[in-house]
Amino acid sequence: MTETADLTAIRVVDFLPQEPAVVWRALTTPELLARWLMPNDFAPVVGHRFTFRTDPIPATRFSGVIACEVLELREPEELVISWEDESPENDMKTTVTFHLEAHDGGTLLSLAQEGFRADHPGDQMARKIMGGGWGGHMFSRLAQVAGETQGVAREG
């Protein structure tokens, strides 16, 4: 896995052993997305507004509710969503792009979360926390869920 970040973005690239269609299914099926990321009401439709829900973190002013919208959807290559804390006290607004590319029998998965304000302490704290999550356990959990559902994706 490679991970790079500047003050305005998180960028992570990793190889997953499953083919893009299987990874795509884990990215765009609400039940599977909930297993590796967070409970949600996602639908793979451009313009669909949805939320991710998790435990709030009062010390960081994180509400625990992330308001999102599907901005772009090109199956099975790219998913782009908006990402912002629903709390009015936290005005961070970013965009998350997942890009899938077939590679050596699996998928080269790139993630870019962009739009962090370089001069905003709250955005920088969030970038640091989320960068550790995306670059750490999130991709491994995604690969695990994709692997567990690989046969189902081929049948469905």
Protein backbone atom coordinates (compact mmCIF):
# COMPACT_ATOMS: atom_id res chain seq x y z
CA MET A 1 0.00 0.00 0.00
CA THR A 2 1.18 3.49 -0.73
CA GLU A 3 -0.13 6.48 1.10
CA THR A 4 0.60 10.11 0.43
CA ALA A 5 -1.01 13.19 1.86
CA ASP A 6 -0.61 16.91 1.58
CA LEU A 7 -2.44 19.34 3.84
CA THR A 8 -5.54 19.39 1.62
CA ALA A 9 -5.90 15.71 0.72
CA ILE A 10 -5.53 12.08 1.68
CA ARG A 11 -4.39 9.73 -1.08
CA VAL A 12 -4.11 5.99 -0.62
CA VAL A 13 -3.44 3.27 -3.20
CA ASP A 14 -3.60 -0.43 -2.45
CA PHE A 15 -3.91 -3.75 -4.27
CA LEU A 16 -6.90 -5.96 -3.45
CA PRO A 17 -6.79 -9.57 -4.70
CA GLN A 18 -10.43 -9.50 -5.89
CA GLU A 19 -11.45 -8.41 -9.40
CA PRO A 20 -12.96 -4.91 -9.82
CA ALA A 21 -16.58 -6.15 -10.07
CA VAL A 22 -16.26 -7.78 -6.64
CA VAL A 23 -14.65 -4.72 -5.04
CA TRP A 24 -17.27 -2.51 -6.72
CA ARG A 25 -20.04 -4.57 -5.14
CA ALA A 26 -18.49 -4.12 -1.67
CA LEU A 27 -18.25 -0.35 -2.33
CA THR A 28 -21.81 0.11 -3.60
CA THR A 29 -24.03 -2.38 -1.76
CA PRO A 30 -25.33 -0.69 1.43
CA GLU A 31 -25.16 -3.84 3.57
CA LEU A 32 -21.60 -4.62 2.49
CA LEU A 33 -20.53 -0.98 2.79
CA ALA A 34 -21.83 -1.04 6.37
CA ARG A 35 -19.70 -4.10 7.15
CA TRP A 36 -16.40 -2.46 6.25
CA LEU A 37 -17.11 1.27 6.70
CA MET A 38 -20.27 2.46 8.52
CA PRO A 39 -24.05 1.94 8.62
CA ASN A 40 -25.61 3.92 5.79
CA ASP A 41 -28.55 4.49 3.47
CA PHE A 42 -26.43 4.56 0.32
CA ALA A 43 -27.87 3.92 -3.14
CA PRO A 44 -25.70 3.73 -6.26
CA VAL A 45 -27.49 6.59 -8.04
CA VAL A 46 -25.96 9.93 -9.00
CA GLY A 47 -27.62 12.66 -6.94
CA HIS A 48 -28.65 10.31 -4.12
CA ARG A 49 -28.13 11.91 -0.70
CA PHE A 50 -27.28 9.54 2.13
CA THR A 51 -25.63 9.39 5.51
CA PHE A 52 -23.00 7.32 7.26
CA ARG A 53 -23.54 6.93 11.00
CA THR A 54 -21.05 6.11 13.73
CA ASP A 55 -20.24 7.13 17.29
CA PRO A 56 -19.77 10.88 17.82
CA ILE A 57 -16.40 12.16 19.06
CA PRO A 58 -17.21 15.26 21.16
CA ALA A 59 -13.54 16.20 21.66
CA THR A 60 -13.20 16.75 17.88
CA ARG A 61 -16.74 18.15 17.43
CA PHE A 62 -17.53 15.16 15.19
CA SER A 63 -21.29 14.52 15.27
CA GLY A 64 -21.13 10.89 14.19
CA VAL A 65 -23.30 11.63 11.13
CA ILE A 66 -21.65 12.18 7.75
CA ALA A 67 -23.88 13.73 5.08
CA CYS A 68 -22.98 12.55 1.58
CA GLU A 69 -24.16 12.71 -1.99
CA VAL A 70 -23.25 10.48 -4.92
CA LEU A 71 -21.56 12.87 -7.36
CA GLU A 72 -20.24 10.43 -9.98
CA LEU A 73 -20.73 6.74 -10.64
CA ARG A 74 -19.01 4.78 -13.41
CA GLU A 75 -19.39 1.06 -12.73
CA PRO A 76 -17.00 -0.62 -11.99
CA GLU A 77 -14.36 2.10 -12.28
CA GLU A 78 -15.15 5.15 -10.17
CA LEU A 79 -17.34 6.33 -7.33
CA VAL A 80 -17.22 9.96 -6.17
CA ILE A 81 -19.14 11.17 -3.11
CA SER A 82 -19.31 14.37 -1.12
CA TRP A 83 -18.43 13.95 2.58
CA GLU A 84 -19.27 16.41 5.36
CA ASP A 85 -20.03 16.27 9.05
CA GLU A 86 -23.72 16.97 9.56
CA SER A 87 -22.97 19.09 12.64
CA PRO A 88 -23.33 22.85 12.04
CA GLU A 89 -20.31 23.35 14.34
CA ASN A 90 -18.06 21.40 11.97
CA ASP A 91 -18.09 22.89 8.48
CA MET A 92 -15.58 20.54 6.86
CA LYS A 93 -16.58 19.61 3.30
CA THR A 94 -14.58 17.11 1.28
CA THR A 95 -14.95 14.82 -1.70
CA VAL A 96 -14.02 11.13 -1.64
CA THR A 97 -13.09 9.38 -4.89
CA PHE A 98 -12.67 5.63 -5.21
CA HIS A 99 -10.98 4.57 -8.45
CA LEU A 100 -10.77 0.87 -9.38
CA GLU A 101 -8.43 -0.53 -12.01
CA ALA A 102 -7.96 -4.18 -13.00
CA HIS A 103 -4.40 -5.20 -12.15
CA ASP A 104 -2.68 -8.61 -11.97
CA GLY A 105 -5.93 -10.54 -11.47
CA GLY A 106 -7.12 -8.17 -8.76
CA THR A 107 -7.87 -4.49 -8.28
CA LEU A 108 -5.66 -1.48 -7.83
CA LEU A 109 -7.83 0.70 -5.61
CA SER A 110 -7.07 4.40 -5.27
CA LEU A 111 -8.78 6.66 -2.78
CA ALA A 112 -8.53 10.43 -2.70
CA GLN A 113 -10.27 12.51 -0.06
CA GLU A 114 -9.82 16.13 -1.08
CA GLY A 115 -10.87 19.55 0.12
CA PHE A 116 -9.35 19.81 3.59
CA ARG A 117 -8.47 23.41 4.46
CA ALA A 118 -4.73 23.67 5.12
CA ASP A 119 -5.17 26.52 7.60
CA HIS A 120 -8.09 25.02 9.54
CA PRO A 121 -7.15 23.07 12.73
CA GLY A 122 -10.38 21.03 12.69
CA ASP A 123 -9.89 19.98 9.06
CA GLN A 124 -6.27 19.06 9.77
CA MET A 125 -7.22 16.95 12.79
CA ALA A 126 -9.87 15.18 10.69
CA ARG A 127 -7.37 14.65 7.84
CA LYS A 128 -4.90 13.06 10.22
CA ILE A 129 -7.51 10.80 11.84
CA MET A 130 -9.18 9.78 8.56
CA GLY A 131 -5.84 9.32 6.81
CA GLY A 132 -4.91 6.73 9.41
CA GLY A 133 -8.24 4.98 8.94
CA TRP A 134 -8.22 4.89 5.15
CA GLY A 135 -4.56 3.93 5.01
CA GLY A 136 -4.85 1.44 7.83
CA HIS A 137 -7.79 -0.75 8.67
CA MET A 138 -10.45 0.43 6.16
CA PHE A 139 -8.87 -1.05 3.03
CA SER A 140 -8.06 -4.31 4.80
CA ARG A 141 -11.69 -4.55 5.99
CA LEU A 142 -12.91 -3.78 2.46
CA ALA A 143 -10.69 -6.55 1.07
CA GLN A 144 -12.00 -8.97 3.70
CA VAL A 145 -15.66 -8.19 2.91
CA ALA A 146 -15.00 -8.38 -0.83
CA GLY A 147 -13.28 -11.74 -0.37
CA GLU A 148 -16.16 -13.13 1.69
CA THR A 149 -18.65 -12.14 -1.02
CA GLN A 150 -16.56 -12.97 -4.10
CA GLY A 151 -18.62 -16.00 -5.15
CA VAL A 152 -21.87 -14.09 -4.63
CA ALA A 153 -20.72 -11.27 -6.94
CA ARG A 154 -19.98 -13.72 -9.74
CA GLU A 155 -23.40 -15.37 -9.38
CA GLY A 156 -25.34 -12.10 -8.99
